[in-house]
Amino acid sequence: MSAIVGEDGKPRCSWGADPPDYREYHDTEWGKPVHGQHALFERLCLESFQSGLSWLTILRKRPAFRAAFADFDPRRVAEFDERDRQRLLSDRGIVRNRAKIDAAIGNARAVLELDLPLDELLWSFAPDPATRTRPATTAEVPASTPESAAMATRLRGRGFRFLGPVTCYALMQATGMIDDHVAGCWLAR
């Protein structure tokens, strides 16, 4: 599908036209460059929690995730212990998946063990925008790319979990490393 014109007259990527939660996310966040350890750690965690679920579920639970995971401060999350794990597993406001919760805690520890800023590591995989062709339709948007596969491999090598090539590609889209707004979308640059 190509861009869809919303009630407000703005053409958007088909997935971002409705419901309002998606429209807000599409218009204000998705594809916009994100930098900084806390912001990138949040997106990394949310993308891994989304794996196998609807992004809408994650968006609607985002405030609860922020509260449960100390506003995604990697230093604080890295200190979570068994009591925190049990608290998270009983928190109905978030996705209560033990493997994903353990990955978020482990990934916070991996962030702290990096020998370079998380920002620098993740953005090193952003492809040159001049080498990319804007997708005409959502069908032309890939699920993963060589860059997202390389990111996943590097992250796994540094102790990160629950971040495969597809999740890393979604992370790249969400943080503006890749601009996949379809041709005709009002946000296509």
C-alpha atoms as a PDB file:
ATOM      1  CA  MET A   1       0.000   0.000   0.000  1.00  0.00           C
ATOM      2  CA  SER A   2       1.121   3.506  -0.675  1.00  0.00           C
ATOM      3  CA  ALA A   3       0.279   6.565   1.381  1.00  0.00           C
ATOM      4  CA  ILE A   4      -3.263   6.908   2.748  1.00  0.00           C
ATOM      5  CA  VAL A   5      -4.880  10.301   3.234  1.00  0.00           C
ATOM      6  CA  GLY A   6      -6.157  10.710   6.779  1.00  0.00           C
ATOM      7  CA  GLU A   7      -9.118  12.633   8.155  1.00  0.00           C
ATOM      8  CA  ASP A   8      -6.859  15.662   8.504  1.00  0.00           C
ATOM      9  CA  GLY A   9      -5.997  15.587   4.790  1.00  0.00           C
ATOM     10  CA  LYS A  10      -2.391  14.453   5.357  1.00  0.00           C
ATOM     11  CA  PRO A  11      -1.106  11.462   3.411  1.00  0.00           C
ATOM     12  CA  ARG A  12       0.637   8.916   5.668  1.00  0.00           C
ATOM     13  CA  CYS A  13       2.261   5.515   5.444  1.00  0.00           C
ATOM     14  CA  SER A  14      -0.677   3.077   5.480  1.00  0.00           C
ATOM     15  CA  TRP A  15       0.198   1.654   8.910  1.00  0.00           C
ATOM     16  CA  GLY A  16       0.338   5.170  10.425  1.00  0.00           C
ATOM     17  CA  ALA A  17      -3.084   6.361   9.334  1.00  0.00           C
ATOM     18  CA  ASP A  18      -5.145   4.786  12.109  1.00  0.00           C
ATOM     19  CA  PRO A  19      -5.784   4.263  15.039  1.00  0.00           C
ATOM     20  CA  PRO A  20      -4.846   7.585  16.687  1.00  0.00           C
ATOM     21  CA  ASP A  21      -2.005   5.934  18.675  1.00  0.00           C
ATOM     22  CA  TYR A  22      -0.299   4.900  15.438  1.00  0.00           C
ATOM     23  CA  ARG A  23      -0.968   8.267  13.792  1.00  0.00           C
ATOM     24  CA  GLU A  24       0.641  10.124  16.725  1.00  0.00           C
ATOM     25  CA  TYR A  25       3.653   7.783  16.762  1.00  0.00           C
ATOM     26  CA  HIS A  26       4.027   7.948  12.965  1.00  0.00           C
ATOM     27  CA  ASP A  27       3.813  11.748  12.892  1.00  0.00           C
ATOM     28  CA  THR A  28       5.976  12.602  15.896  1.00  0.00           C
ATOM     29  CA  GLU A  29       8.502   9.803  16.411  1.00  0.00           C
ATOM     30  CA  TRP A  30       8.911   7.095  13.792  1.00  0.00           C
ATOM     31  CA  GLY A  31      11.803   7.774  11.449  1.00  0.00           C
ATOM     32  CA  LYS A  32      13.058  10.794  13.382  1.00  0.00           C
ATOM     33  CA  PRO A  33      16.678  10.592  14.561  1.00  0.00           C
ATOM     34  CA  VAL A  34      17.029   9.471  18.172  1.00  0.00           C
ATOM     35  CA  HIS A  35      20.278   9.904  20.095  1.00  0.00           C
ATOM     36  CA  GLY A  36      21.379   9.459  23.682  1.00  0.00           C
ATOM     37  CA  GLN A  37      21.840   6.404  25.845  1.00  0.00           C
ATOM     38  CA  HIS A  38      18.483   6.509  27.683  1.00  0.00           C
ATOM     39  CA  ALA A  39      16.407   7.160  24.559  1.00  0.00           C
ATOM     40  CA  LEU A  40      18.159   4.486  22.522  1.00  0.00           C
ATOM     41  CA  PHE A  41      18.055   1.967  25.355  1.00  0.00           C
ATOM     42  CA  GLU A  42      14.308   2.556  25.658  1.00  0.00           C
ATOM     43  CA  ARG A  43      13.763   1.963  21.931  1.00  0.00           C
ATOM     44  CA  LEU A  44      16.013  -1.101  22.000  1.00  0.00           C
ATOM     45  CA  CYS A  45      14.006  -2.581  24.896  1.00  0.00           C
ATOM     46  CA  LEU A  46      10.609  -1.727  23.437  1.00  0.00           C
ATOM     47  CA  GLU A  47      11.510  -3.231  20.065  1.00  0.00           C
ATOM     48  CA  SER A  48      12.633  -6.454  21.726  1.00  0.00           C
ATOM     49  CA  PHE A  49       9.446  -6.592  23.824  1.00  0.00           C
ATOM     50  CA  GLN A  50       7.422  -6.101  20.632  1.00  0.00           C
ATOM     51  CA  SER A  51       8.875  -9.213  19.008  1.00  0.00           C
ATOM     52  CA  GLY A  52       5.906 -11.416  18.105  1.00  0.00           C
ATOM     53  CA  LEU A  53       3.347  -8.828  19.245  1.00  0.00           C
ATOM     54  CA  SER A  54       1.571  -5.824  17.802  1.00  0.00           C
ATOM     55  CA  TRP A  55       3.451  -2.531  18.028  1.00  0.00           C
ATOM     56  CA  LEU A  56       0.167  -0.986  19.123  1.00  0.00           C
ATOM     57  CA  THR A  57       0.278  -3.155  22.254  1.00  0.00           C
ATOM     58  CA  ILE A  58       3.735  -1.806  23.088  1.00  0.00           C
ATOM     59  CA  LEU A  59       2.757   1.811  22.387  1.00  0.00           C
ATOM     60  CA  ARG A  60      -0.219   1.565  24.692  1.00  0.00           C
ATOM     61  CA  LYS A  61       1.880  -0.025  27.436  1.00  0.00           C
ATOM     62  CA  ARG A  62       4.787   2.402  27.023  1.00  0.00           C
ATOM     63  CA  PRO A  63       4.017   4.532  30.126  1.00  0.00           C
ATOM     64  CA  ALA A  64       3.850   1.360  32.240  1.00  0.00           C
ATOM     65  CA  PHE A  65       7.107   0.121  30.715  1.00  0.00           C
ATOM     66  CA  ARG A  66       8.781   3.413  31.607  1.00  0.00           C
ATOM     67  CA  ALA A  67       7.584   3.169  35.195  1.00  0.00           C
ATOM     68  CA  ALA A  68       8.506  -0.515  35.522  1.00  0.00           C
ATOM     69  CA  PHE A  69      11.978  -0.099  33.997  1.00  0.00           C
ATOM     70  CA  ALA A  70      13.134   3.010  35.881  1.00  0.00           C
ATOM     71  CA  ASP A  71      12.544   5.265  32.863  1.00  0.00           C
ATOM     72  CA  PHE A  72      14.966   3.021  30.940  1.00  0.00           C
ATOM     73  CA  ASP A  73      18.010   4.222  32.827  1.00  0.00           C
ATOM     74  CA  PRO A  74      20.511   1.443  31.999  1.00  0.00           C
ATOM     75  CA  ARG A  75      22.401   1.968  35.262  1.00  0.00           C
ATOM     76  CA  ARG A  76      19.283   1.405  37.330  1.00  0.00           C
ATOM     77  CA  VAL A  77      17.956  -1.474  35.225  1.00  0.00           C
ATOM     78  CA  ALA A  78      21.344  -3.220  35.372  1.00  0.00           C
ATOM     79  CA  GLU A  79      20.944  -3.357  39.156  1.00  0.00           C
ATOM     80  CA  PHE A  80      17.591  -5.166  39.008  1.00  0.00           C
ATOM     81  CA  ASP A  81      17.625  -8.368  41.047  1.00  0.00           C
ATOM     82  CA  GLU A  82      15.319 -11.355  41.522  1.00  0.00           C
ATOM     83  CA  ARG A  83      12.856  -9.268  43.513  1.00  0.00           C
ATOM     84  CA  ASP A  84      12.648  -6.848  40.556  1.00  0.00           C
ATOM     85  CA  ARG A  85      12.178  -9.744  38.130  1.00  0.00           C
ATOM     86  CA  GLN A  86       9.239 -11.006  40.183  1.00  0.00           C
ATOM     87  CA  ARG A  87       7.794  -7.484  40.333  1.00  0.00           C
ATOM     88  CA  LEU A  88       8.044  -7.212  36.548  1.00  0.00           C
ATOM     89  CA  LEU A  89       6.547 -10.657  35.973  1.00  0.00           C
ATOM     90  CA  SER A  90       3.491  -9.666  38.004  1.00  0.00           C
ATOM     91  CA  ASP A  91       3.089  -6.207  36.417  1.00  0.00           C
ATOM     92  CA  ARG A  92      -0.023  -6.376  34.205  1.00  0.00           C
ATOM     93  CA  GLY A  93       0.884  -3.032  32.647  1.00  0.00           C
ATOM     94  CA  ILE A  94       3.807  -4.496  30.688  1.00  0.00           C
ATOM     95  CA  VAL A  95       4.499  -7.599  28.618  1.00  0.00           C
ATOM     96  CA  ARG A  96       5.160 -10.269  31.227  1.00  0.00           C
ATOM     97  CA  ASN A  97       7.576 -12.492  29.349  1.00  0.00           C
ATOM     98  CA  ARG A  98      10.461 -13.815  31.459  1.00  0.00           C
ATOM     99  CA  ALA A  99      12.890 -14.121  28.524  1.00  0.00           C
ATOM    100  CA  LYS A 100      12.206 -10.538  27.391  1.00  0.00           C
ATOM    101  CA  ILE A 101      12.438  -9.176  30.939  1.00  0.00           C
ATOM    102  CA  ASP A 102      15.726 -11.003  31.487  1.00  0.00           C
ATOM    103  CA  ALA A 103      16.978  -9.709  28.136  1.00  0.00           C
ATOM    104  CA  ALA A 104      16.150  -6.096  29.088  1.00  0.00           C
ATOM    105  CA  ILE A 105      18.062  -6.444  32.357  1.00  0.00           C
ATOM    106  CA  GLY A 106      20.968  -8.199  30.636  1.00  0.00           C
ATOM    107  CA  ASN A 107      20.978  -5.628  27.842  1.00  0.00           C
ATOM    108  CA  ALA A 108      21.240  -2.824  30.401  1.00  0.00           C
ATOM    109  CA  ARG A 109      24.334  -4.536  31.777  1.00  0.00           C
ATOM    110  CA  ALA A 110      25.700  -4.937  28.255  1.00  0.00           C
ATOM    111  CA  VAL A 111      25.204  -1.195  27.638  1.00  0.00           C
ATOM    112  CA  LEU A 112      27.312  -0.418  30.708  1.00  0.00           C
ATOM    113  CA  GLU A 113      30.071  -2.761  29.544  1.00  0.00           C
ATOM    114  CA  LEU A 114      30.438  -1.122  26.125  1.00  0.00           C
ATOM    115  CA  ASP A 115      33.776   0.462  25.324  1.00  0.00           C
ATOM    116  CA  LEU A 116      32.039   3.135  23.238  1.00  0.00           C
ATOM    117  CA  PRO A 117      28.746   5.017  23.618  1.00  0.00           C
ATOM    118  CA  LEU A 118      25.595   3.068  22.702  1.00  0.00           C
ATOM    119  CA  ASP A 119      24.739   5.931  20.364  1.00  0.00           C
ATOM    120  CA  GLU A 120      27.995   5.493  18.447  1.00  0.00           C
ATOM    121  CA  LEU A 121      27.646   1.711  18.261  1.00  0.00           C
ATOM    122  CA  LEU A 122      24.077   1.687  16.964  1.00  0.00           C
ATOM    123  CA  TRP A 123      24.422   4.593  14.550  1.00  0.00           C
ATOM    124  CA  SER A 124      27.545   3.035  13.012  1.00  0.00           C
ATOM    125  CA  PHE A 125      25.146   0.706  11.160  1.00  0.00           C
ATOM    126  CA  ALA A 126      23.019   3.454   9.624  1.00  0.00           C
ATOM    127  CA  PRO A 127      23.314   3.210   5.848  1.00  0.00           C
ATOM    128  CA  ASP A 128      24.140   6.237   3.738  1.00  0.00           C
ATOM    129  CA  PRO A 129      20.745   7.783   2.863  1.00  0.00           C
ATOM    130  CA  ALA A 130      22.070   8.606  -0.611  1.00  0.00           C
ATOM    131  CA  THR A 131      22.353   4.878  -1.378  1.00  0.00           C
ATOM    132  CA  ARG A 132      18.722   4.108  -0.472  1.00  0.00           C
ATOM    133  CA  THR A 133      15.647   4.384  -2.621  1.00  0.00           C
ATOM    134  CA  ARG A 134      12.462   5.550  -0.930  1.00  0.00           C
ATOM    135  CA  PRO A 135       9.884   2.753  -0.887  1.00  0.00           C
ATOM    136  CA  ALA A 136       6.841   3.483  -3.046  1.00  0.00           C
ATOM    137  CA  THR A 137       4.664   1.139  -0.982  1.00  0.00           C
ATOM    138  CA  THR A 138       4.877  -0.670   2.335  1.00  0.00           C
ATOM    139  CA  ALA A 139       5.364  -3.903   0.361  1.00  0.00           C
ATOM    140  CA  GLU A 140       8.771  -2.552  -0.707  1.00  0.00           C
ATOM    141  CA  VAL A 141       9.936  -2.098   2.903  1.00  0.00           C
ATOM    142  CA  PRO A 142      12.205  -5.006   3.849  1.00  0.00           C
ATOM    143  CA  ALA A 143      11.967  -6.919   7.116  1.00  0.00           C
ATOM    144  CA  SER A 144      15.739  -6.805   7.513  1.00  0.00           C
ATOM    145  CA  THR A 145      18.841  -5.666   5.654  1.00  0.00           C
ATOM    146  CA  PRO A 146      22.540  -6.521   5.650  1.00  0.00           C
ATOM    147  CA  GLU A 147      23.048  -3.556   8.000  1.00  0.00           C
ATOM    148  CA  SER A 148      20.451  -4.803  10.496  1.00  0.00           C
ATOM    149  CA  ALA A 149      21.949  -8.303  10.321  1.00  0.00           C
ATOM    150  CA  ALA A 150      25.398  -6.848  11.014  1.00  0.00           C
ATOM    151  CA  MET A 151      23.991  -4.820  13.924  1.00  0.00           C
ATOM    152  CA  ALA A 152      22.365  -7.919  15.404  1.00  0.00           C
ATOM    153  CA  THR A 153      25.592  -9.891  15.093  1.00  0.00           C
ATOM    154  CA  ARG A 154      27.629  -7.135  16.739  1.00  0.00           C
ATOM    155  CA  LEU A 155      25.120  -6.704  19.548  1.00  0.00           C
ATOM    156  CA  ARG A 156      24.996 -10.448  20.226  1.00  0.00           C
ATOM    157  CA  GLY A 157      28.796 -10.460  20.302  1.00  0.00           C
ATOM    158  CA  ARG A 158      28.645  -7.776  22.976  1.00  0.00           C
ATOM    159  CA  GLY A 159      26.217  -9.707  25.159  1.00  0.00           C
ATOM    160  CA  PHE A 160      22.886  -8.284  23.982  1.00  0.00           C
ATOM    161  CA  ARG A 161      19.895 -10.615  23.610  1.00  0.00           C
ATOM    162  CA  PHE A 162      16.512 -10.672  21.886  1.00  0.00           C
ATOM    163  CA  LEU A 163      17.773  -8.453  19.072  1.00  0.00           C
ATOM    164  CA  GLY A 164      17.808 -10.305  15.762  1.00  0.00           C
ATOM    165  CA  PRO A 165      18.051  -8.756  12.278  1.00  0.00           C
ATOM    166  CA  VAL A 166      14.299  -8.032  12.036  1.00  0.00           C
ATOM    167  CA  THR A 167      14.150  -6.396  15.473  1.00  0.00           C
ATOM    168  CA  CYS A 168      17.297  -4.404  14.689  1.00  0.00           C
ATOM    169  CA  TYR A 169      15.743  -3.211  11.422  1.00  0.00           C
ATOM    170  CA  ALA A 170      12.639  -2.058  13.314  1.00  0.00           C
ATOM    171  CA  LEU A 171      14.964  -0.274  15.747  1.00  0.00           C
ATOM    172  CA  MET A 172      16.737   1.416  12.832  1.00  0.00           C
ATOM    173  CA  GLN A 173      13.387   2.598  11.436  1.00  0.00           C
ATOM    174  CA  ALA A 174      12.097   3.775  14.820  1.00  0.00           C
ATOM    175  CA  THR A 175      15.221   5.793  15.566  1.00  0.00           C
ATOM    176  CA  GLY A 176      15.644   7.418  12.166  1.00  0.00           C
ATOM    177  CA  MET A 177      18.720   5.460  11.117  1.00  0.00           C
ATOM    178  CA  ILE A 178      16.595   4.489   8.128  1.00  0.00           C
ATOM    179  CA  ASP A 179      13.785   6.568   6.647  1.00  0.00           C
ATOM    180  CA  ASP A 180      11.125   4.195   5.349  1.00  0.00           C
ATOM    181  CA  HIS A 181       8.278   6.690   5.020  1.00  0.00           C
ATOM    182  CA  VAL A 182       6.709   5.729   1.700  1.00  0.00           C
ATOM    183  CA  ALA A 183       6.656   8.067  -1.267  1.00  0.00           C
ATOM    184  CA  GLY A 184       3.677  10.343  -0.891  1.00  0.00           C
ATOM    185  CA  CYS A 185       3.750  10.362   2.909  1.00  0.00           C
ATOM    186  CA  TRP A 186       3.818  13.917   4.221  1.00  0.00           C
ATOM    187  CA  LEU A 187       6.925  13.015   6.232  1.00  0.00           C
ATOM    188  CA  ALA A 188       8.906  11.593   3.297  1.00  0.00           C
ATOM    189  CA  ARG A 189      12.097  13.644   3.044  1.00  0.00           C
END
